[in-house]
Amino acid sequence: MSVEVPENITTPEGVEFRPNLVACTSHDGSLATTYKRTVTNVVCDNTMAAGLREYGQQFKVKHSKNGKFRIVEARDALAMVHTVAEEFAAEVKALCETTVTDRAWRAFLDAHTPLPEAKGRARTTATNERAALNRLWNSDNRVSPWRGTAWGVVQAINTYTHHEAIVRNASRAERNMSRAVDGKADALDQDTVSTLAKVLASV
């Protein structure tokens, strides 16, 4: 289940997003009941952490015979979903104000998706991914409006992973939902920002 604010929010940098609170559980107890603050980046329906530099705030209740539906505690732990807007907008502003030159973008690609020297499947996969990321960076309207900024880098990686990366043993929708729940989407955003910071410090 997802609880969202009624209207999209657009930052001065042209990033349109919608804060939401995701609640999920499982009938067989394999997944803890989880409440999590996230953001949907409306331009391409990507789900991002409420804070890109940290894992998205979340609250979990394990399944047990004595477990209770602790919605009030969850609300207090996560705060109201409306508070996400200011935090995310500030993060977007900071990333949009961080310049990423063409040289830095190439260095980021080398760090994020290194190209193996030996010919074979791994090299082909990396080559295809780098080509897709370059296309997004240069000409896709989900990314290119922020080309040359750290936000554009985050958006390129998130968009590629969410919409174009190879999916095995599940539908893309299932894969994307599971990544939002298990924290892999948050980890991707955090790793992207961390890798870019190291690259910018060295170029």
N, C-alpha and C. Protein backbone atom coordinates (compact mmCIF):
# COMPACT_ATOMS: atom_id res chain seq x y z
N MET A 1 0.84 -1.17 0.00
CA MET A 1 0.00 0.00 0.00
C MET A 1 0.89 1.23 0.00
N SER A 2 0.42 2.29 -0.65
CA SER A 2 1.19 3.53 -0.70
C SER A 2 0.27 4.71 -0.37
N VAL A 3 0.71 5.55 0.56
CA VAL A 3 -0.02 6.77 0.90
C VAL A 3 0.78 7.94 0.36
N GLU A 4 0.16 8.76 -0.48
CA GLU A 4 0.88 9.83 -1.15
C GLU A 4 0.25 11.18 -0.87
N VAL A 5 1.04 12.24 -1.07
CA VAL A 5 0.49 13.58 -1.00
C VAL A 5 -0.39 13.78 -2.24
N PRO A 6 -1.38 14.68 -2.20
CA PRO A 6 -2.35 14.79 -3.29
C PRO A 6 -1.80 15.38 -4.59
N GLU A 7 -0.74 16.17 -4.50
CA GLU A 7 -0.23 16.84 -5.70
C GLU A 7 1.27 16.59 -5.85
N ASN A 8 1.74 16.57 -7.11
CA ASN A 8 3.17 16.49 -7.36
C ASN A 8 3.85 17.79 -6.92
N ILE A 9 5.13 17.68 -6.60
CA ILE A 9 5.92 18.84 -6.21
C ILE A 9 7.02 19.03 -7.24
N THR A 10 7.25 20.26 -7.68
CA THR A 10 8.30 20.55 -8.66
C THR A 10 9.32 21.51 -8.05
N THR A 11 10.57 21.12 -8.08
CA THR A 11 11.62 21.97 -7.53
C THR A 11 11.99 23.06 -8.54
N PRO A 12 12.71 24.10 -8.10
CA PRO A 12 13.17 25.14 -9.04
C PRO A 12 14.07 24.58 -10.13
N GLU A 13 14.67 23.41 -9.88
CA GLU A 13 15.55 22.79 -10.87
C GLU A 13 14.78 21.97 -11.91
N GLY A 14 13.44 21.94 -11.79
CA GLY A 14 12.62 21.24 -12.76
C GLY A 14 12.43 19.77 -12.48
N VAL A 15 12.70 19.33 -11.25
CA VAL A 15 12.51 17.94 -10.88
C VAL A 15 11.14 17.79 -10.24
N GLU A 16 10.30 16.97 -10.84
CA GLU A 16 8.95 16.75 -10.34
C GLU A 16 8.90 15.44 -9.56
N PHE A 17 8.40 15.49 -8.34
CA PHE A 17 8.37 14.28 -7.52
C PHE A 17 7.14 14.26 -6.63
N ARG A 18 6.91 13.07 -6.05
CA ARG A 18 5.77 12.90 -5.15
C ARG A 18 6.19 12.04 -3.96
N PRO A 19 6.20 12.62 -2.75
CA PRO A 19 6.55 11.85 -1.56
C PRO A 19 5.46 10.83 -1.25
N ASN A 20 5.87 9.69 -0.69
CA ASN A 20 4.89 8.69 -0.31
C ASN A 20 5.39 7.84 0.85
N LEU A 21 4.47 7.21 1.51
CA LEU A 21 4.77 6.27 2.58
C LEU A 21 4.31 4.90 2.11
N VAL A 22 5.25 3.97 1.99
CA VAL A 22 4.95 2.63 1.52
C VAL A 22 4.80 1.70 2.72
N ALA A 23 3.75 0.90 2.72
CA ALA A 23 3.54 -0.12 3.76
C ALA A 23 3.42 -1.47 3.07
N CYS A 24 4.14 -2.47 3.56
CA CYS A 24 4.08 -3.79 2.94
C CYS A 24 4.25 -4.87 4.00
N THR A 25 3.74 -6.05 3.69
CA THR A 25 3.86 -7.19 4.60
C THR A 25 3.71 -8.46 3.78
N SER A 26 3.71 -9.62 4.44
CA SER A 26 3.53 -10.89 3.75
C SER A 26 2.66 -11.81 4.59
N HIS A 27 1.89 -12.64 3.93
CA HIS A 27 1.00 -13.56 4.64
C HIS A 27 1.76 -14.71 5.30
N ASP A 28 2.90 -15.09 4.71
CA ASP A 28 3.62 -16.25 5.23
C ASP A 28 4.72 -15.89 6.22
N GLY A 29 4.85 -14.60 6.56
CA GLY A 29 5.84 -14.19 7.55
C GLY A 29 7.24 -14.06 6.99
N SER A 30 7.42 -14.23 5.69
CA SER A 30 8.76 -14.15 5.11
C SER A 30 9.27 -12.71 5.03
N LEU A 31 8.36 -11.75 5.09
CA LEU A 31 8.72 -10.34 5.03
C LEU A 31 8.17 -9.62 6.24
N ALA A 32 9.02 -8.91 6.97
CA ALA A 32 8.54 -8.14 8.11
C ALA A 32 7.61 -7.04 7.63
N THR A 33 6.61 -6.72 8.44
CA THR A 33 5.74 -5.59 8.11
C THR A 33 6.60 -4.33 8.11
N THR A 34 6.62 -3.63 7.00
CA THR A 34 7.56 -2.53 6.80
C THR A 34 6.83 -1.26 6.39
N TYR A 35 7.20 -0.15 7.03
CA TYR A 35 6.72 1.19 6.66
C TYR A 35 7.95 1.98 6.24
N LYS A 36 7.86 2.64 5.09
CA LYS A 36 9.06 3.26 4.55
C LYS A 36 8.74 4.56 3.81
N ARG A 37 9.52 5.60 4.08
CA ARG A 37 9.38 6.86 3.35
C ARG A 37 10.17 6.78 2.05
N THR A 38 9.48 7.04 0.94
CA THR A 38 10.15 7.04 -0.36
C THR A 38 9.67 8.24 -1.17
N VAL A 39 10.26 8.37 -2.36
CA VAL A 39 9.89 9.43 -3.28
C VAL A 39 9.75 8.83 -4.67
N THR A 40 8.68 9.15 -5.37
CA THR A 40 8.55 8.77 -6.76
C THR A 40 8.96 9.95 -7.62
N ASN A 41 10.00 9.74 -8.43
CA ASN A 41 10.45 10.77 -9.35
C ASN A 41 9.55 10.69 -10.58
N VAL A 42 8.63 11.64 -10.70
CA VAL A 42 7.50 11.51 -11.62
C VAL A 42 7.92 11.42 -13.07
N VAL A 43 9.02 12.03 -13.46
CA VAL A 43 9.40 12.06 -14.86
C VAL A 43 9.60 10.67 -15.43
N CYS A 44 9.94 9.70 -14.58
CA CYS A 44 10.10 8.34 -15.11
C CYS A 44 9.65 7.27 -14.12
N ASP A 45 8.87 7.64 -13.12
CA ASP A 45 8.31 6.67 -12.17
C ASP A 45 9.38 5.88 -11.43
N ASN A 46 10.52 6.49 -11.18
CA ASN A 46 11.54 5.84 -10.37
C ASN A 46 11.24 6.06 -8.90
N THR A 47 11.44 5.03 -8.10
CA THR A 47 11.32 5.18 -6.66
C THR A 47 12.70 5.40 -6.06
N MET A 48 12.83 6.48 -5.29
CA MET A 48 14.11 6.83 -4.69
C MET A 48 13.97 6.93 -3.19
N ALA A 49 15.11 6.83 -2.50
CA ALA A 49 15.10 6.98 -1.05
C ALA A 49 14.73 8.42 -0.69
N ALA A 50 14.17 8.59 0.50
CA ALA A 50 13.81 9.94 0.95
C ALA A 50 15.04 10.81 1.10
N GLY A 51 16.19 10.22 1.38
CA GLY A 51 17.45 10.94 1.43
C GLY A 51 18.47 10.15 0.63
N LEU A 52 18.97 10.72 -0.48
CA LEU A 52 19.84 9.95 -1.36
C LEU A 52 21.18 9.60 -0.71
N ARG A 53 21.62 10.40 0.24
CA ARG A 53 22.92 10.15 0.87
C ARG A 53 22.81 9.16 2.02
N GLU A 54 21.59 8.79 2.38
CA GLU A 54 21.38 7.81 3.43
C GLU A 54 20.28 6.86 2.98
N TYR A 55 20.21 5.70 3.60
CA TYR A 55 19.12 4.80 3.28
C TYR A 55 17.80 5.44 3.70
N GLY A 56 16.75 5.18 2.94
CA GLY A 56 15.45 5.75 3.26
C GLY A 56 14.97 5.32 4.64
N GLN A 57 14.39 6.26 5.36
CA GLN A 57 13.89 5.95 6.70
C GLN A 57 12.83 4.87 6.63
N GLN A 58 12.92 3.88 7.53
CA GLN A 58 11.92 2.83 7.53
C GLN A 58 11.73 2.29 8.95
N PHE A 59 10.61 1.62 9.13
CA PHE A 59 10.25 1.03 10.42
C PHE A 59 9.73 -0.36 10.16
N LYS A 60 10.25 -1.36 10.88
CA LYS A 60 9.86 -2.74 10.63
C LYS A 60 9.31 -3.39 11.90
N VAL A 61 8.32 -4.25 11.70
CA VAL A 61 7.74 -5.05 12.79
C VAL A 61 7.80 -6.51 12.35
N LYS A 62 8.56 -7.34 13.08
CA LYS A 62 8.67 -8.75 12.72
C LYS A 62 7.37 -9.49 12.99
N HIS A 63 7.10 -10.49 12.18
CA HIS A 63 5.93 -11.33 12.39
C HIS A 63 6.18 -12.26 13.59
N SER A 64 5.26 -12.28 14.53
CA SER A 64 5.35 -13.19 15.67
C SER A 64 3.96 -13.37 16.25
N LYS A 65 3.79 -14.39 17.08
CA LYS A 65 2.48 -14.63 17.67
C LYS A 65 2.06 -13.51 18.60
N ASN A 66 3.04 -12.74 19.10
CA ASN A 66 2.73 -11.61 19.99
C ASN A 66 2.80 -10.27 19.27
N GLY A 67 3.00 -10.32 17.94
CA GLY A 67 3.13 -9.09 17.19
C GLY A 67 1.82 -8.31 17.15
N LYS A 68 1.95 -6.99 17.11
CA LYS A 68 0.78 -6.12 17.06
C LYS A 68 0.92 -5.14 15.90
N PHE A 69 -0.20 -4.63 15.47
CA PHE A 69 -0.22 -3.65 14.39
C PHE A 69 0.13 -2.28 14.99
N ARG A 70 1.41 -1.92 14.96
CA ARG A 70 1.90 -0.75 15.68
C ARG A 70 1.95 0.47 14.77
N ILE A 71 0.80 0.85 14.20
CA ILE A 71 0.76 1.93 13.23
C ILE A 71 1.13 3.27 13.84
N VAL A 72 0.76 3.51 15.09
CA VAL A 72 1.10 4.79 15.73
C VAL A 72 2.60 4.90 15.91
N GLU A 73 3.25 3.81 16.35
CA GLU A 73 4.69 3.82 16.50
C GLU A 73 5.38 4.01 15.14
N ALA A 74 4.83 3.38 14.12
CA ALA A 74 5.41 3.53 12.79
C ALA A 74 5.31 4.98 12.33
N ARG A 75 4.16 5.58 12.56
CA ARG A 75 3.98 6.98 12.16
C ARG A 75 4.97 7.88 12.88
N ASP A 76 5.14 7.66 14.17
CA ASP A 76 6.07 8.49 14.94
C ASP A 76 7.51 8.27 14.50
N ALA A 77 7.85 7.02 14.18
CA ALA A 77 9.22 6.71 13.79
C ALA A 77 9.57 7.33 12.44
N LEU A 78 8.62 7.36 11.54
CA LEU A 78 8.88 7.84 10.19
C LEU A 78 8.56 9.31 10.00
N ALA A 79 7.81 9.88 10.91
CA ALA A 79 7.28 11.25 10.78
C ALA A 79 6.25 11.27 9.65
N MET A 80 5.63 12.40 9.44
CA MET A 80 4.61 12.48 8.40
C MET A 80 5.25 12.52 7.02
N VAL A 81 4.57 11.93 6.04
CA VAL A 81 5.12 11.85 4.70
C VAL A 81 5.38 13.23 4.11
N HIS A 82 4.65 14.24 4.57
CA HIS A 82 4.85 15.59 4.04
C HIS A 82 6.24 16.12 4.33
N THR A 83 6.90 15.64 5.40
CA THR A 83 8.22 16.14 5.73
C THR A 83 9.28 15.69 4.74
N VAL A 84 8.96 14.69 3.93
CA VAL A 84 9.92 14.20 2.94
C VAL A 84 10.22 15.28 1.91
N ALA A 85 9.23 16.09 1.56
CA ALA A 85 9.35 17.04 0.46
C ALA A 85 10.53 17.98 0.63
N GLU A 86 10.63 18.63 1.80
CA GLU A 86 11.70 19.59 2.02
C GLU A 86 13.07 18.91 1.97
N GLU A 87 13.17 17.73 2.58
CA GLU A 87 14.44 17.02 2.61
C GLU A 87 14.88 16.63 1.20
N PHE A 88 13.94 16.08 0.43
CA PHE A 88 14.29 15.62 -0.91
C PHE A 88 14.60 16.80 -1.82
N ALA A 89 13.83 17.88 -1.72
CA ALA A 89 14.07 19.06 -2.55
C ALA A 89 15.46 19.64 -2.26
N ALA A 90 15.87 19.64 -0.99
CA ALA A 90 17.20 20.14 -0.63
C ALA A 90 18.28 19.25 -1.23
N GLU A 91 18.05 17.94 -1.23
CA GLU A 91 19.02 17.01 -1.80
C GLU A 91 19.13 17.22 -3.30
N VAL A 92 17.98 17.39 -3.96
CA VAL A 92 17.98 17.63 -5.40
C VAL A 92 18.74 18.92 -5.73
N LYS A 93 18.51 19.97 -4.96
CA LYS A 93 19.18 21.25 -5.18
C LYS A 93 20.70 21.09 -5.08
N ALA A 94 21.15 20.39 -4.04
CA ALA A 94 22.59 20.20 -3.85
C ALA A 94 23.20 19.42 -5.00
N LEU A 95 22.50 18.37 -5.46
CA LEU A 95 23.02 17.56 -6.55
C LEU A 95 23.00 18.32 -7.88
N CYS A 96 21.97 19.13 -8.09
CA CYS A 96 21.90 19.92 -9.32
C CYS A 96 22.97 21.00 -9.36
N GLU A 97 23.43 21.43 -8.21
CA GLU A 97 24.47 22.46 -8.14
C GLU A 97 25.88 21.87 -8.19
N THR A 98 25.97 20.55 -8.25
CA THR A 98 27.26 19.88 -8.34
C THR A 98 27.56 19.57 -9.81
N THR A 99 28.58 20.19 -10.35
CA THR A 99 28.92 20.06 -11.76
C THR A 99 29.63 18.73 -12.05
N VAL A 100 29.21 18.09 -13.13
CA VAL A 100 29.86 16.88 -13.61
C VAL A 100 30.26 17.12 -15.06
N THR A 101 31.55 17.30 -15.30
CA THR A 101 32.05 17.55 -16.65
C THR A 101 32.01 16.27 -17.48
N ASP A 102 32.24 16.39 -18.78
CA ASP A 102 32.30 15.21 -19.64
C ASP A 102 33.41 14.26 -19.17
N ARG A 103 34.53 14.83 -18.75
CA ARG A 103 35.64 14.02 -18.25
C ARG A 103 35.23 13.27 -16.98
N ALA A 104 34.53 13.96 -16.09
CA ALA A 104 34.07 13.33 -14.85
C ALA A 104 33.04 12.24 -15.14
N TRP A 105 32.17 12.47 -16.11
CA TRP A 105 31.17 11.46 -16.48
C TRP A 105 31.85 10.19 -16.99
N ARG A 106 32.88 10.36 -17.84
CA ARG A 106 33.61 9.20 -18.35
C ARG A 106 34.31 8.46 -17.20
N ALA A 107 34.87 9.22 -16.28
CA ALA A 107 35.54 8.61 -15.12
C ALA A 107 34.53 7.88 -14.24
N PHE A 108 33.34 8.45 -14.12
CA PHE A 108 32.29 7.78 -13.34
C PHE A 108 31.90 6.46 -13.99
N LEU A 109 31.74 6.46 -15.31
CA LEU A 109 31.40 5.22 -16.00
C LEU A 109 32.47 4.16 -15.78
N ASP A 110 33.75 4.57 -15.80
CA ASP A 110 34.84 3.63 -15.57
C ASP A 110 34.76 3.04 -14.16
N ALA A 111 34.32 3.85 -13.20
CA ALA A 111 34.23 3.38 -11.82
C ALA A 111 32.97 2.54 -11.60
N HIS A 112 31.86 2.97 -12.18
CA HIS A 112 30.58 2.29 -11.97
C HIS A 112 30.44 1.04 -12.82
N THR A 113 30.85 1.13 -14.09
CA THR A 113 30.73 0.00 -15.01
C THR A 113 32.05 -0.17 -15.75
N PRO A 114 33.06 -0.72 -15.06
CA PRO A 114 34.36 -0.90 -15.71
C PRO A 114 34.27 -1.84 -16.91
N LEU A 115 35.13 -1.60 -17.88
CA LEU A 115 35.12 -2.39 -19.11
C LEU A 115 36.23 -3.44 -19.04
N PRO A 116 35.88 -4.72 -18.92
CA PRO A 116 36.91 -5.77 -18.85
C PRO A 116 37.78 -5.77 -20.11
N GLU A 117 39.06 -6.07 -19.92
CA GLU A 117 39.97 -6.10 -21.07
C GLU A 117 39.70 -7.30 -21.97
N ALA A 118 39.43 -8.44 -21.36
CA ALA A 118 39.23 -9.66 -22.14
C ALA A 118 37.88 -9.65 -22.84
N LYS A 119 37.87 -10.11 -24.09
CA LYS A 119 36.63 -10.22 -24.83
C LYS A 119 35.77 -11.33 -24.25
N GLY A 120 34.47 -11.16 -24.35
CA GLY A 120 33.57 -12.17 -23.83
C GLY A 120 32.26 -11.55 -23.37
N ARG A 121 31.46 -12.37 -22.69
CA ARG A 121 30.13 -11.93 -22.26
C ARG A 121 30.18 -10.73 -21.32
N ALA A 122 31.12 -10.74 -20.38
CA ALA A 122 31.21 -9.65 -19.41
C ALA A 122 31.52 -8.32 -20.10
N ARG A 123 32.42 -8.35 -21.06
CA ARG A 123 32.77 -7.14 -21.79
C ARG A 123 31.58 -6.65 -22.63
N THR A 124 30.88 -7.59 -23.26
CA THR A 124 29.71 -7.21 -24.06
C THR A 124 28.64 -6.58 -23.19
N THR A 125 28.38 -7.18 -22.02
CA THR A 125 27.37 -6.65 -21.10
C THR A 125 27.74 -5.25 -20.63
N ALA A 126 29.01 -5.06 -20.26
CA ALA A 126 29.47 -3.74 -19.81
C ALA A 126 29.39 -2.71 -20.93
N THR A 127 29.77 -3.12 -22.14
CA THR A 127 29.72 -2.21 -23.29
C THR A 127 28.29 -1.76 -23.56
N ASN A 128 27.34 -2.70 -23.50
CA ASN A 128 25.94 -2.36 -23.74
C ASN A 128 25.39 -1.44 -22.66
N GLU A 129 25.77 -1.72 -21.40
CA GLU A 129 25.29 -0.86 -20.32
C GLU A 129 25.85 0.55 -20.45
N ARG A 130 27.12 0.68 -20.74
CA ARG A 130 27.73 2.00 -20.91
C ARG A 130 27.09 2.76 -22.07
N ALA A 131 26.79 2.06 -23.16
CA ALA A 131 26.14 2.70 -24.30
C ALA A 131 24.75 3.21 -23.91
N ALA A 132 24.01 2.41 -23.14
CA ALA A 132 22.68 2.82 -22.69
C ALA A 132 22.77 4.03 -21.76
N LEU A 133 23.73 4.02 -20.85
CA LEU A 133 23.90 5.14 -19.92
C LEU A 133 24.29 6.41 -20.67
N ASN A 134 25.15 6.29 -21.66
CA ASN A 134 25.52 7.46 -22.46
C ASN A 134 24.33 8.02 -23.23
N ARG A 135 23.49 7.11 -23.75
CA ARG A 135 22.29 7.56 -24.45
C ARG A 135 21.35 8.32 -23.51
N LEU A 136 21.15 7.77 -22.32
CA LEU A 136 20.31 8.45 -21.33
C LEU A 136 20.88 9.81 -20.98
N TRP A 137 22.18 9.85 -20.73
CA TRP A 137 22.87 11.07 -20.32
C TRP A 137 22.79 12.16 -21.40
N ASN A 138 22.89 11.75 -22.64
CA ASN A 138 22.99 12.73 -23.73
C ASN A 138 21.66 13.11 -24.38
N SER A 139 20.69 12.20 -24.40
CA SER A 139 19.52 12.50 -25.24
C SER A 139 18.17 12.05 -24.71
N ASP A 140 18.12 11.42 -23.54
CA ASP A 140 16.84 10.96 -23.01
C ASP A 140 16.25 12.02 -22.10
N ASN A 141 14.98 12.39 -22.33
CA ASN A 141 14.40 13.50 -21.56
C ASN A 141 14.17 13.18 -20.08
N ARG A 142 14.37 11.93 -19.70
CA ARG A 142 14.28 11.58 -18.29
C ARG A 142 15.58 11.90 -17.55
N VAL A 143 16.64 12.14 -18.32
CA VAL A 143 17.97 12.37 -17.73
C VAL A 143 18.65 13.62 -18.29
N SER A 144 18.64 13.77 -19.61
CA SER A 144 19.44 14.81 -20.27
C SER A 144 19.16 16.25 -19.84
N PRO A 145 17.94 16.60 -19.37
CA PRO A 145 17.78 17.97 -18.88
C PRO A 145 18.72 18.32 -17.73
N TRP A 146 19.23 17.28 -17.03
CA TRP A 146 20.15 17.52 -15.91
C TRP A 146 21.55 17.01 -16.23
N ARG A 147 21.84 16.85 -17.53
CA ARG A 147 23.18 16.45 -17.96
C ARG A 147 24.18 17.49 -17.44
N GLY A 148 25.31 17.01 -16.97
CA GLY A 148 26.32 17.92 -16.46
C GLY A 148 26.21 18.20 -14.98
N THR A 149 25.30 17.47 -14.30
CA THR A 149 25.12 17.65 -12.86
C THR A 149 25.12 16.28 -12.17
N ALA A 150 25.33 16.32 -10.85
CA ALA A 150 25.29 15.08 -10.08
C ALA A 150 23.89 14.47 -10.09
N TRP A 151 22.86 15.34 -10.12
CA TRP A 151 21.49 14.81 -10.20
C TRP A 151 21.29 14.01 -11.49
N GLY A 152 21.86 14.49 -12.57
CA GLY A 152 21.77 13.76 -13.83
C GLY A 152 22.41 12.39 -13.75
N VAL A 153 23.51 12.29 -13.01
CA VAL A 153 24.18 11.00 -12.83
C VAL A 153 23.28 10.04 -12.06
N VAL A 154 22.73 10.52 -10.94
CA VAL A 154 21.83 9.68 -10.14
C VAL A 154 20.63 9.25 -10.98
N GLN A 155 20.08 10.17 -11.73
CA GLN A 155 18.91 9.87 -12.54
C GLN A 155 19.24 8.87 -13.65
N ALA A 156 20.42 8.99 -14.23
CA ALA A 156 20.82 8.06 -15.29
C ALA A 156 20.92 6.64 -14.76
N ILE A 157 21.59 6.46 -13.63
CA ILE A 157 21.77 5.12 -13.08
C ILE A 157 20.44 4.55 -12.61
N ASN A 158 19.63 5.37 -11.94
CA ASN A 158 18.35 4.90 -11.44
C ASN A 158 17.41 4.54 -12.59
N THR A 159 17.37 5.39 -13.61
CA THR A 159 16.49 5.14 -14.75
C THR A 159 16.91 3.88 -15.50
N TYR A 160 18.20 3.72 -15.73
CA TYR A 160 18.69 2.53 -16.42
C TYR A 160 18.31 1.27 -15.64
N THR A 161 18.59 1.27 -14.35
CA THR A 161 18.33 0.09 -13.54
C THR A 161 16.84 -0.22 -13.46
N HIS A 162 16.03 0.83 -13.34
CA HIS A 162 14.59 0.67 -13.16
C HIS A 162 13.89 0.23 -14.44
N HIS A 163 14.35 0.77 -15.58
CA HIS A 163 13.60 0.58 -16.83
C HIS A 163 14.31 -0.24 -17.91
N GLU A 164 15.65 -0.35 -17.86
CA GLU A 164 16.35 -0.96 -18.98
C GLU A 164 17.25 -2.13 -18.64
N ALA A 165 17.70 -2.25 -17.41
CA ALA A 165 18.61 -3.34 -17.05
C ALA A 165 17.93 -4.68 -17.25
N ILE A 166 18.73 -5.70 -17.55
CA ILE A 166 18.22 -7.05 -17.77
C ILE A 166 17.56 -7.58 -16.50
N VAL A 167 16.38 -8.17 -16.64
CA VAL A 167 15.64 -8.76 -15.52
C VAL A 167 15.50 -10.25 -15.77
N ARG A 168 15.87 -11.04 -14.76
CA ARG A 168 15.76 -12.49 -14.89
C ARG A 168 14.87 -13.06 -13.79
N ASN A 169 14.11 -14.09 -14.12
CA ASN A 169 13.29 -14.85 -13.15
C ASN A 169 12.19 -14.03 -12.49
N ALA A 170 11.78 -12.95 -13.11
CA ALA A 170 10.68 -12.12 -12.58
C ALA A 170 10.31 -11.10 -13.64
N SER A 171 9.12 -10.50 -13.50
CA SER A 171 8.76 -9.41 -14.40
C SER A 171 9.47 -8.15 -13.92
N ARG A 172 9.59 -7.17 -14.78
CA ARG A 172 10.24 -5.92 -14.39
C ARG A 172 9.50 -5.25 -13.24
N ALA A 173 8.17 -5.27 -13.31
CA ALA A 173 7.38 -4.65 -12.24
C ALA A 173 7.63 -5.33 -10.90
N GLU A 174 7.67 -6.67 -10.91
CA GLU A 174 7.94 -7.41 -9.68
C GLU A 174 9.33 -7.10 -9.15
N ARG A 175 10.31 -7.06 -10.05
CA ARG A 175 11.67 -6.77 -9.64
C ARG A 175 11.78 -5.39 -9.02
N ASN A 176 11.14 -4.39 -9.65
CA ASN A 176 11.21 -3.03 -9.14
C ASN A 176 10.54 -2.90 -7.78
N MET A 177 9.40 -3.58 -7.60
CA MET A 177 8.71 -3.53 -6.31
C MET A 177 9.56 -4.17 -5.21
N SER A 178 10.17 -5.31 -5.52
CA SER A 178 10.98 -5.99 -4.51
C SER A 178 12.21 -5.17 -4.16
N ARG A 179 12.80 -4.48 -5.12
CA ARG A 179 13.96 -3.63 -4.85
C ARG A 179 13.60 -2.46 -3.94
N ALA A 180 12.40 -1.92 -4.12
CA ALA A 180 11.96 -0.82 -3.27
C ALA A 180 11.77 -1.29 -1.83
N VAL A 181 11.28 -2.54 -1.67
CA VAL A 181 11.00 -3.06 -0.34
C VAL A 181 12.26 -3.53 0.37
N ASP A 182 13.15 -4.23 -0.35
CA ASP A 182 14.31 -4.84 0.31
C ASP A 182 15.51 -3.90 0.47
N GLY A 183 15.38 -2.66 0.00
CA GLY A 183 16.45 -1.69 0.22
C GLY A 183 17.47 -1.60 -0.90
N LYS A 184 17.34 -2.46 -1.93
CA LYS A 184 18.33 -2.43 -3.00
C LYS A 184 18.25 -1.14 -3.82
N ALA A 185 17.05 -0.58 -3.96
CA ALA A 185 16.91 0.69 -4.69
C ALA A 185 17.61 1.81 -3.92
N ASP A 186 17.44 1.82 -2.60
CA ASP A 186 18.10 2.82 -1.77
C ASP A 186 19.62 2.68 -1.87
N ALA A 187 20.09 1.43 -1.79
CA ALA A 187 21.52 1.17 -1.83
C ALA A 187 22.12 1.63 -3.16
N LEU A 188 21.36 1.45 -4.25
CA LEU A 188 21.84 1.88 -5.56
C LEU A 188 22.05 3.39 -5.58
N ASP A 189 21.08 4.15 -5.10
CA ASP A 189 21.21 5.61 -5.09
C ASP A 189 22.38 6.05 -4.23
N GLN A 190 22.50 5.44 -3.06
CA GLN A 190 23.58 5.80 -2.15
C GLN A 190 24.94 5.47 -2.76
N ASP A 191 25.04 4.29 -3.37
CA ASP A 191 26.30 3.89 -4.00
C ASP A 191 26.65 4.82 -5.17
N THR A 192 25.63 5.24 -5.92
CA THR A 192 25.88 6.16 -7.04
C THR A 192 26.47 7.46 -6.54
N VAL A 193 25.86 8.04 -5.51
CA VAL A 193 26.35 9.30 -4.96
C VAL A 193 27.75 9.14 -4.38
N SER A 194 27.98 8.02 -3.70
CA SER A 194 29.28 7.77 -3.10
C SER A 194 30.37 7.62 -4.16
N THR A 195 30.08 6.84 -5.20
CA THR A 195 31.04 6.65 -6.28
C THR A 195 31.35 7.96 -6.99
N LEU A 196 30.31 8.74 -7.25
CA LEU A 196 30.51 10.03 -7.92
C LEU A 196 31.36 10.96 -7.07
N ALA A 197 31.14 10.98 -5.77
CA ALA A 197 31.92 11.85 -4.87
C ALA A 197 33.41 11.49 -4.96
N LYS A 198 33.72 10.20 -4.98
CA LYS A 198 35.12 9.78 -5.10
C LYS A 198 35.71 10.20 -6.44
N VAL A 199 34.92 10.07 -7.51
CA VAL A 199 35.39 10.46 -8.84
C VAL A 199 35.66 11.95 -8.90
N LEU A 200 34.73 12.76 -8.39
CA LEU A 200 34.89 14.22 -8.44
C LEU A 200 36.07 14.68 -7.61
N ALA A 201 36.41 13.92 -6.59
CA ALA A 201 37.55 14.29 -5.74
C ALA A 201 38.88 13.99 -6.42
N SER A 202 38.82 13.16 -7.46
CA SER A 202 40.07 12.73 -8.09
C SER A 202 40.32 13.31 -9.48
N VAL A 203 39.28 13.88 -10.11
CA VAL A 203 39.45 14.42 -11.47
C VAL A 203 39.76 15.91 -11.44
